[in-house]
Amino acid sequence: MSLGLLFYAYAMVMSQAFNGAGAVWTATFINLFCFWLWELPVAYLLAHLLSCGPRGVFAAITISFSTYAVVSAAVFKRGRWKLKKV
């Protein structure tokens, strides 16, 4: 899970860049997707359906943090967040 925290730190910087630029809904939707619509089902799948238990939950957290970083970087690189007026 500690490896996932590196991804999480990178994603938080990207997320706060969106918030600072006034594109708060961009950061909100990315968080909603990565943590509620992705992390929870993956954690359930790994922990219960694949019988990984707590290790599956921790793996899901790492997967979610990695996804959060990749999605945030892709949205940041696209650059549409720069068009928001503050």
PDB file of N, CA and C in Angstrom:
ATOM      1  N   MET A   1       0.812  -1.183   0.000  1.00  0.00           N
ATOM      2  CA  MET A   1       0.000   0.000   0.000  1.00  0.00           C
ATOM      3  C   MET A   1       0.868   1.264   0.000  1.00  0.00           C
ATOM      4  N   SER A   2       2.069   1.166   0.546  1.00  0.00           N
ATOM      5  CA  SER A   2       2.933   2.346   0.596  1.00  0.00           C
ATOM      6  C   SER A   2       3.304   2.823  -0.813  1.00  0.00           C
ATOM      7  N   LEU A   3       3.413   1.909  -1.753  1.00  0.00           N
ATOM      8  CA  LEU A   3       3.661   2.311  -3.139  1.00  0.00           C
ATOM      9  C   LEU A   3       2.489   3.136  -3.673  1.00  0.00           C
ATOM     10  N   GLY A   4       1.289   2.784  -3.292  1.00  0.00           N
ATOM     11  CA  GLY A   4       0.100   3.521  -3.711  1.00  0.00           C
ATOM     12  C   GLY A   4       0.081   4.949  -3.202  1.00  0.00           C
ATOM     13  N   LEU A   5       0.706   5.187  -2.052  1.00  0.00           N
ATOM     14  CA  LEU A   5       0.728   6.542  -1.504  1.00  0.00           C
ATOM     15  C   LEU A   5       1.543   7.494  -2.376  1.00  0.00           C
ATOM     16  N   LEU A   6       2.532   6.986  -3.082  1.00  0.00           N
ATOM     17  CA  LEU A   6       3.272   7.836  -4.027  1.00  0.00           C
ATOM     18  C   LEU A   6       2.353   8.295  -5.153  1.00  0.00           C
ATOM     19  N   PHE A   7       1.543   7.380  -5.652  1.00  0.00           N
ATOM     20  CA  PHE A   7       0.571   7.749  -6.683  1.00  0.00           C
ATOM     21  C   PHE A   7      -0.468   8.718  -6.133  1.00  0.00           C
ATOM     22  N   TYR A   8      -0.889   8.470  -4.898  1.00  0.00           N
ATOM     23  CA  TYR A   8      -1.894   9.328  -4.278  1.00  0.00           C
ATOM     24  C   TYR A   8      -1.368  10.755  -4.108  1.00  0.00           C
ATOM     25  N   ALA A   9      -0.112  10.895  -3.709  1.00  0.00           N
ATOM     26  CA  ALA A   9       0.485  12.226  -3.546  1.00  0.00           C
ATOM     27  C   ALA A   9       0.514  12.971  -4.878  1.00  0.00           C
ATOM     28  N   TYR A  10       0.899  12.276  -5.931  1.00  0.00           N
ATOM     29  CA  TYR A  10       0.922  12.892  -7.261  1.00  0.00           C
ATOM     30  C   TYR A  10      -0.486  13.314  -7.686  1.00  0.00           C
ATOM     31  N   ALA A  11      -1.457  12.437  -7.454  1.00  0.00           N
ATOM     32  CA  ALA A  11      -2.832  12.739  -7.851  1.00  0.00           C
ATOM     33  C   ALA A  11      -3.396  13.901  -7.047  1.00  0.00           C
ATOM     34  N   MET A  12      -3.033  14.013  -5.778  1.00  0.00           N
ATOM     35  CA  MET A  12      -3.522  15.126  -4.966  1.00  0.00           C
ATOM     36  C   MET A  12      -2.992  16.465  -5.473  1.00  0.00           C
ATOM     37  N   VAL A  13      -1.768  16.481  -5.941  1.00  0.00           N
ATOM     38  CA  VAL A  13      -1.223  17.713  -6.520  1.00  0.00           C
ATOM     39  C   VAL A  13      -2.033  18.100  -7.761  1.00  0.00           C
ATOM     40  N   MET A  14      -2.335  17.117  -8.609  1.00  0.00           N
ATOM     41  CA  MET A  14      -3.139  17.386  -9.798  1.00  0.00           C
ATOM     42  C   MET A  14      -4.543  17.859  -9.414  1.00  0.00           C
ATOM     43  N   SER A  15      -5.135  17.206  -8.447  1.00  0.00           N
ATOM     44  CA  SER A  15      -6.479  17.553  -8.004  1.00  0.00           C
ATOM     45  C   SER A  15      -6.538  18.978  -7.452  1.00  0.00           C
ATOM     46  N   GLN A  16      -5.539  19.346  -6.676  1.00  0.00           N
ATOM     47  CA  GLN A  16      -5.525  20.694  -6.132  1.00  0.00           C
ATOM     48  C   GLN A  16      -5.236  21.738  -7.202  1.00  0.00           C
ATOM     49  N   ALA A  17      -4.559  21.358  -8.262  1.00  0.00           N
ATOM     50  CA  ALA A  17      -4.377  22.265  -9.393  1.00  0.00           C
ATOM     51  C   ALA A  17      -5.724  22.546 -10.055  1.00  0.00           C
ATOM     52  N   PHE A  18      -6.554  21.505 -10.181  1.00  0.00           N
ATOM     53  CA  PHE A  18      -7.901  21.711 -10.730  1.00  0.00           C
ATOM     54  C   PHE A  18      -8.708  22.631  -9.821  1.00  0.00           C
ATOM     55  N   ASN A  19      -8.658  22.378  -8.525  1.00  0.00           N
ATOM     56  CA  ASN A  19      -9.411  23.205  -7.581  1.00  0.00           C
ATOM     57  C   ASN A  19      -8.929  24.649  -7.606  1.00  0.00           C
ATOM     58  N   GLY A  20      -7.627  24.844  -7.645  1.00  0.00           N
ATOM     59  CA  GLY A  20      -7.076  26.189  -7.678  1.00  0.00           C
ATOM     60  C   GLY A  20      -7.414  26.944  -8.944  1.00  0.00           C
ATOM     61  N   ALA A  21      -7.583  26.231 -10.038  1.00  0.00           N
ATOM     62  CA  ALA A  21      -7.931  26.861 -11.313  1.00  0.00           C
ATOM     63  C   ALA A  21      -9.429  27.106 -11.433  1.00  0.00           C
ATOM     64  N   GLY A  22     -10.205  26.633 -10.456  1.00  0.00           N
ATOM     65  CA  GLY A  22     -11.650  26.839 -10.499  1.00  0.00           C
ATOM     66  C   GLY A  22     -12.422  25.695 -11.120  1.00  0.00           C
ATOM     67  N   ALA A  23     -11.752  24.642 -11.513  1.00  0.00           N
ATOM     68  CA  ALA A  23     -12.408  23.474 -12.117  1.00  0.00           C
ATOM     69  C   ALA A  23     -12.696  22.442 -11.025  1.00  0.00           C
ATOM     70  N   VAL A  24     -13.506  22.859 -10.037  1.00  0.00           N
ATOM     71  CA  VAL A  24     -13.747  21.996  -8.883  1.00  0.00           C
ATOM     72  C   VAL A  24     -14.552  20.756  -9.250  1.00  0.00           C
ATOM     73  N   TRP A  25     -15.413  20.850 -10.251  1.00  0.00           N
ATOM     74  CA  TRP A  25     -16.198  19.675 -10.640  1.00  0.00           C
ATOM     75  C   TRP A  25     -15.319  18.617 -11.299  1.00  0.00           C
ATOM     76  N   THR A  26     -14.256  19.026 -11.930  1.00  0.00           N
ATOM     77  CA  THR A  26     -13.324  18.062 -12.519  1.00  0.00           C
ATOM     78  C   THR A  26     -12.729  17.184 -11.424  1.00  0.00           C
ATOM     79  N   ALA A  27     -12.225  17.811 -10.381  1.00  0.00           N
ATOM     80  CA  ALA A  27     -11.650  17.056  -9.266  1.00  0.00           C
ATOM     81  C   ALA A  27     -12.710  16.215  -8.562  1.00  0.00           C
ATOM     82  N   THR A  28     -13.916  16.750  -8.434  1.00  0.00           N
ATOM     83  CA  THR A  28     -14.997  16.026  -7.772  1.00  0.00           C
ATOM     84  C   THR A  28     -15.360  14.767  -8.534  1.00  0.00           C
ATOM     85  N   PHE A  29     -15.498  14.858  -9.842  1.00  0.00           N
ATOM     86  CA  PHE A  29     -15.865  13.689 -10.642  1.00  0.00           C
ATOM     87  C   PHE A  29     -14.762  12.635 -10.658  1.00  0.00           C
ATOM     88  N   ILE A  30     -13.518  13.065 -10.704  1.00  0.00           N
ATOM     89  CA  ILE A  30     -12.412  12.109 -10.667  1.00  0.00           C
ATOM     90  C   ILE A  30     -12.412  11.366  -9.329  1.00  0.00           C
ATOM     91  N   ASN A  31     -12.589  12.112  -8.236  1.00  0.00           N
ATOM     92  CA  ASN A  31     -12.656  11.472  -6.917  1.00  0.00           C
ATOM     93  C   ASN A  31     -13.843  10.522  -6.814  1.00  0.00           C
ATOM     94  N   LEU A  32     -14.980  10.942  -7.291  1.00  0.00           N
ATOM     95  CA  LEU A  32     -16.177  10.097  -7.252  1.00  0.00           C
ATOM     96  C   LEU A  32     -15.938   8.797  -7.999  1.00  0.00           C
ATOM     97  N   PHE A  33     -15.368   8.897  -9.189  1.00  0.00           N
ATOM     98  CA  PHE A  33     -15.101   7.691  -9.971  1.00  0.00           C
ATOM     99  C   PHE A  33     -14.070   6.794  -9.290  1.00  0.00           C
ATOM    100  N   CYS A  34     -12.925   7.375  -8.946  1.00  0.00           N
ATOM    101  CA  CYS A  34     -11.822   6.544  -8.449  1.00  0.00           C
ATOM    102  C   CYS A  34     -12.089   5.924  -7.092  1.00  0.00           C
ATOM    103  N   PHE A  35     -12.785   6.612  -6.218  1.00  0.00           N
ATOM    104  CA  PHE A  35     -12.945   6.091  -4.867  1.00  0.00           C
ATOM    105  C   PHE A  35     -14.275   5.394  -4.633  1.00  0.00           C
ATOM    106  N   TRP A  36     -15.352   5.876  -5.218  1.00  0.00           N
ATOM    107  CA  TRP A  36     -16.655   5.268  -4.966  1.00  0.00           C
ATOM    108  C   TRP A  36     -17.050   4.253  -6.026  1.00  0.00           C
ATOM    109  N   LEU A  37     -16.798   4.577  -7.270  1.00  0.00           N
ATOM    110  CA  LEU A  37     -17.248   3.693  -8.353  1.00  0.00           C
ATOM    111  C   LEU A  37     -16.184   2.688  -8.776  1.00  0.00           C
ATOM    112  N   TRP A  38     -14.960   2.844  -8.322  1.00  0.00           N
ATOM    113  CA  TRP A  38     -13.879   1.937  -8.710  1.00  0.00           C
ATOM    114  C   TRP A  38     -13.298   1.198  -7.496  1.00  0.00           C
ATOM    115  N   GLU A  39     -12.870   1.939  -6.476  1.00  0.00           N
ATOM    116  CA  GLU A  39     -12.194   1.306  -5.344  1.00  0.00           C
ATOM    117  C   GLU A  39     -13.106   0.354  -4.575  1.00  0.00           C
ATOM    118  N   LEU A  40     -14.303   0.764  -4.262  1.00  0.00           N
ATOM    119  CA  LEU A  40     -15.187  -0.091  -3.468  1.00  0.00           C
ATOM    120  C   LEU A  40     -15.559  -1.391  -4.177  1.00  0.00           C
ATOM    121  N   PRO A  41     -15.965  -1.363  -5.460  1.00  0.00           N
ATOM    122  CA  PRO A  41     -16.238  -2.650  -6.124  1.00  0.00           C
ATOM    123  C   PRO A  41     -15.004  -3.540  -6.252  1.00  0.00           C
ATOM    124  N   VAL A  42     -13.844  -2.942  -6.516  1.00  0.00           N
ATOM    125  CA  VAL A  42     -12.619  -3.742  -6.629  1.00  0.00           C
ATOM    126  C   VAL A  42     -12.272  -4.355  -5.272  1.00  0.00           C
ATOM    127  N   ALA A  43     -12.438  -3.588  -4.195  1.00  0.00           N
ATOM    128  CA  ALA A  43     -12.164  -4.120  -2.859  1.00  0.00           C
ATOM    129  C   ALA A  43     -13.100  -5.280  -2.540  1.00  0.00           C
ATOM    130  N   TYR A  44     -14.365  -5.135  -2.863  1.00  0.00           N
ATOM    131  CA  TYR A  44     -15.320  -6.215  -2.619  1.00  0.00           C
ATOM    132  C   TYR A  44     -14.962  -7.450  -3.451  1.00  0.00           C
ATOM    133  N   LEU A  45     -14.631  -7.219  -4.704  1.00  0.00           N
ATOM    134  CA  LEU A  45     -14.275  -8.322  -5.597  1.00  0.00           C
ATOM    135  C   LEU A  45     -13.051  -9.072  -5.071  1.00  0.00           C
ATOM    136  N   LEU A  46     -12.015  -8.337  -4.719  1.00  0.00           N
ATOM    137  CA  LEU A  46     -10.792  -8.979  -4.257  1.00  0.00           C
ATOM    138  C   LEU A  46     -10.965  -9.631  -2.885  1.00  0.00           C
ATOM    139  N   ALA A  47     -11.641  -8.940  -1.971  1.00  0.00           N
ATOM    140  CA  ALA A  47     -11.747  -9.447  -0.604  1.00  0.00           C
ATOM    141  C   ALA A  47     -12.705 -10.623  -0.486  1.00  0.00           C
ATOM    142  N   HIS A  48     -13.856 -10.526  -1.140  1.00  0.00           N
ATOM    143  CA  HIS A  48     -14.878 -11.551  -0.945  1.00  0.00           C
ATOM    144  C   HIS A  48     -14.949 -12.570  -2.082  1.00  0.00           C
ATOM    145  N   LEU A  49     -15.069 -12.088  -3.280  1.00  0.00           N
ATOM    146  CA  LEU A  49     -15.276 -13.011  -4.397  1.00  0.00           C
ATOM    147  C   LEU A  49     -14.007 -13.786  -4.758  1.00  0.00           C
ATOM    148  N   LEU A  50     -12.855 -13.164  -4.621  1.00  0.00           N
ATOM    149  CA  LEU A  50     -11.599 -13.851  -4.912  1.00  0.00           C
ATOM    150  C   LEU A  50     -10.899 -14.337  -3.645  1.00  0.00           C
ATOM    151  N   SER A  51     -11.545 -14.145  -2.500  1.00  0.00           N
ATOM    152  CA  SER A  51     -11.077 -14.641  -1.193  1.00  0.00           C
ATOM    153  C   SER A  51      -9.673 -14.177  -0.820  1.00  0.00           C
ATOM    154  N   CYS A  52      -9.361 -12.927  -1.104  1.00  0.00           N
ATOM    155  CA  CYS A  52      -8.050 -12.392  -0.724  1.00  0.00           C
ATOM    156  C   CYS A  52      -8.065 -11.769   0.671  1.00  0.00           C
ATOM    157  N   GLY A  53      -9.246 -11.498   1.208  1.00  0.00           N
ATOM    158  CA  GLY A  53      -9.362 -10.927   2.546  1.00  0.00           C
ATOM    159  C   GLY A  53      -8.811  -9.512   2.624  1.00  0.00           C
ATOM    160  N   PRO A  54      -8.199  -9.169   3.755  1.00  0.00           N
ATOM    161  CA  PRO A  54      -7.665  -7.813   3.935  1.00  0.00           C
ATOM    162  C   PRO A  54      -6.598  -7.440   2.907  1.00  0.00           C
ATOM    163  N   ARG A  55      -5.831  -8.408   2.465  1.00  0.00           N
ATOM    164  CA  ARG A  55      -4.817  -8.103   1.428  1.00  0.00           C
ATOM    165  C   ARG A  55      -5.486  -7.617   0.146  1.00  0.00           C
ATOM    166  N   GLY A  56      -6.643  -8.143  -0.161  1.00  0.00           N
ATOM    167  CA  GLY A  56      -7.396  -7.686  -1.325  1.00  0.00           C
ATOM    168  C   GLY A  56      -7.868  -6.255  -1.175  1.00  0.00           C
ATOM    169  N   VAL A  57      -8.256  -5.899   0.041  1.00  0.00           N
ATOM    170  CA  VAL A  57      -8.686  -4.517   0.302  1.00  0.00           C
ATOM    171  C   VAL A  57      -7.512  -3.559   0.134  1.00  0.00           C
ATOM    172  N   PHE A  58      -6.366  -3.925   0.693  1.00  0.00           N
ATOM    173  CA  PHE A  58      -5.191  -3.068   0.553  1.00  0.00           C
ATOM    174  C   PHE A  58      -4.727  -2.989  -0.900  1.00  0.00           C
ATOM    175  N   ALA A  59      -4.859  -4.067  -1.638  1.00  0.00           N
ATOM    176  CA  ALA A  59      -4.523  -4.037  -3.068  1.00  0.00           C
ATOM    177  C   ALA A  59      -5.482  -3.121  -3.810  1.00  0.00           C
ATOM    178  N   ALA A  60      -6.756  -3.149  -3.438  1.00  0.00           N
ATOM    179  CA  ALA A  60      -7.744  -2.278  -4.082  1.00  0.00           C
ATOM    180  C   ALA A  60      -7.430  -0.810  -3.820  1.00  0.00           C
ATOM    181  N   ILE A  61      -6.946  -0.504  -2.633  1.00  0.00           N
ATOM    182  CA  ILE A  61      -6.567   0.878  -2.327  1.00  0.00           C
ATOM    183  C   ILE A  61      -5.410   1.311  -3.219  1.00  0.00           C
ATOM    184  N   THR A  62      -4.413   0.458  -3.360  1.00  0.00           N
ATOM    185  CA  THR A  62      -3.275   0.772  -4.224  1.00  0.00           C
ATOM    186  C   THR A  62      -3.712   0.923  -5.675  1.00  0.00           C
ATOM    187  N   ILE A  63      -4.574   0.047  -6.139  1.00  0.00           N
ATOM    188  CA  ILE A  63      -5.096   0.132  -7.509  1.00  0.00           C
ATOM    189  C   ILE A  63      -5.861   1.426  -7.700  1.00  0.00           C
ATOM    190  N   SER A  64      -6.672   1.784  -6.718  1.00  0.00           N
ATOM    191  CA  SER A  64      -7.455   3.012  -6.808  1.00  0.00           C
ATOM    192  C   SER A  64      -6.557   4.254  -6.837  1.00  0.00           C
ATOM    193  N   PHE A  65      -5.547   4.289  -5.971  1.00  0.00           N
ATOM    194  CA  PHE A  65      -4.633   5.425  -5.957  1.00  0.00           C
ATOM    195  C   PHE A  65      -3.895   5.543  -7.284  1.00  0.00           C
ATOM    196  N   SER A  66      -3.505   4.419  -7.850  1.00  0.00           N
ATOM    197  CA  SER A  66      -2.815   4.433  -9.142  1.00  0.00           C
ATOM    198  C   SER A  66      -3.739   4.932 -10.243  1.00  0.00           C
ATOM    199  N   THR A  67      -4.971   4.479 -10.220  1.00  0.00           N
ATOM    200  CA  THR A  67      -5.950   4.938 -11.201  1.00  0.00           C
ATOM    201  C   THR A  67      -6.201   6.429 -11.055  1.00  0.00           C
ATOM    202  N   TYR A  68      -6.290   6.887  -9.815  1.00  0.00           N
ATOM    203  CA  TYR A  68      -6.499   8.303  -9.529  1.00  0.00           C
ATOM    204  C   TYR A  68      -5.370   9.143 -10.131  1.00  0.00           C
ATOM    205  N   ALA A  69      -4.137   8.685 -10.001  1.00  0.00           N
ATOM    206  CA  ALA A  69      -2.996   9.422 -10.546  1.00  0.00           C
ATOM    207  C   ALA A  69      -3.016   9.435 -12.067  1.00  0.00           C
ATOM    208  N   VAL A  70      -3.303   8.294 -12.675  1.00  0.00           N
ATOM    209  CA  VAL A  70      -3.302   8.208 -14.138  1.00  0.00           C
ATOM    210  C   VAL A  70      -4.432   9.055 -14.730  1.00  0.00           C
ATOM    211  N   VAL A  71      -5.620   8.960 -14.166  1.00  0.00           N
ATOM    212  CA  VAL A  71      -6.756   9.739 -14.675  1.00  0.00           C
ATOM    213  C   VAL A  71      -6.509  11.228 -14.474  1.00  0.00           C
ATOM    214  N   SER A  72      -6.007  11.617 -13.300  1.00  0.00           N
ATOM    215  CA  SER A  72      -5.729  13.032 -13.046  1.00  0.00           C
ATOM    216  C   SER A  72      -4.676  13.575 -14.002  1.00  0.00           C
ATOM    217  N   ALA A  73      -3.630  12.800 -14.252  1.00  0.00           N
ATOM    218  CA  ALA A  73      -2.590  13.243 -15.184  1.00  0.00           C
ATOM    219  C   ALA A  73      -3.136  13.376 -16.604  1.00  0.00           C
ATOM    220  N   ALA A  74      -3.995  12.441 -17.003  1.00  0.00           N
ATOM    221  CA  ALA A  74      -4.569  12.508 -18.352  1.00  0.00           C
ATOM    222  C   ALA A  74      -5.469  13.736 -18.508  1.00  0.00           C
ATOM    223  N   VAL A  75      -6.288  14.004 -17.505  1.00  0.00           N
ATOM    224  CA  VAL A  75      -7.174  15.174 -17.561  1.00  0.00           C
ATOM    225  C   VAL A  75      -6.347  16.454 -17.495  1.00  0.00           C
ATOM    226  N   PHE A  76      -5.316  16.455 -16.668  1.00  0.00           N
ATOM    227  CA  PHE A  76      -4.453  17.624 -16.571  1.00  0.00           C
ATOM    228  C   PHE A  76      -3.768  17.903 -17.900  1.00  0.00           C
ATOM    229  N   LYS A  77      -3.274  16.844 -18.538  1.00  0.00           N
ATOM    230  CA  LYS A  77      -2.568  17.006 -19.806  1.00  0.00           C
ATOM    231  C   LYS A  77      -3.505  17.494 -20.915  1.00  0.00           C
ATOM    232  N   ARG A  78      -4.769  17.035 -20.866  1.00  0.00           N
ATOM    233  CA  ARG A  78      -5.742  17.479 -21.873  1.00  0.00           C
ATOM    234  C   ARG A  78      -5.888  18.988 -21.833  1.00  0.00           C
ATOM    235  N   GLY A  79      -5.912  19.577 -20.640  1.00  0.00           N
ATOM    236  CA  GLY A  79      -5.860  21.024 -20.496  1.00  0.00           C
ATOM    237  C   GLY A  79      -7.164  21.781 -20.561  1.00  0.00           C
ATOM    238  N   ARG A  80      -8.290  21.105 -20.631  1.00  0.00           N
ATOM    239  CA  ARG A  80      -9.561  21.841 -20.681  1.00  0.00           C
ATOM    240  C   ARG A  80      -9.864  22.554 -19.377  1.00  0.00           C
ATOM    241  N   TRP A  81      -9.237  22.134 -18.287  1.00  0.00           N
ATOM    242  CA  TRP A  81      -9.442  22.771 -16.995  1.00  0.00           C
ATOM    243  C   TRP A  81      -8.930  24.205 -17.002  1.00  0.00           C
ATOM    244  N   LYS A  82      -8.010  24.534 -17.922  1.00  0.00           N
ATOM    245  CA  LYS A  82      -7.458  25.891 -18.001  1.00  0.00           C
ATOM    246  C   LYS A  82      -8.470  26.901 -18.524  1.00  0.00           C
ATOM    247  N   LEU A  83      -9.522  26.431 -19.124  1.00  0.00           N
ATOM    248  CA  LEU A  83     -10.510  27.332 -19.718  1.00  0.00           C
ATOM    249  C   LEU A  83     -11.525  27.856 -18.716  1.00  0.00           C
ATOM    250  N   LYS A  84     -11.513  27.377 -17.495  1.00  0.00           N
ATOM    251  CA  LYS A  84     -12.470  27.809 -16.479  1.00  0.00           C
ATOM    252  C   LYS A  84     -12.170  29.241 -16.059  1.00  0.00           C
ATOM    253  N   LYS A  85     -13.229  30.007 -15.884  1.00  0.00           N
ATOM    254  CA  LYS A  85     -13.111  31.393 -15.419  1.00  0.00           C
ATOM    255  C   LYS A  85     -13.341  31.427 -13.920  1.00  0.00           C
ATOM    256  N   VAL A  86     -12.462  32.128 -13.215  1.00  0.00           N
ATOM    257  CA  VAL A  86     -12.598  32.238 -11.757  1.00  0.00           C
ATOM    258  C   VAL A  86     -13.247  33.568 -11.425  1.00  0.00           C
TER     259      VAL A  86
END
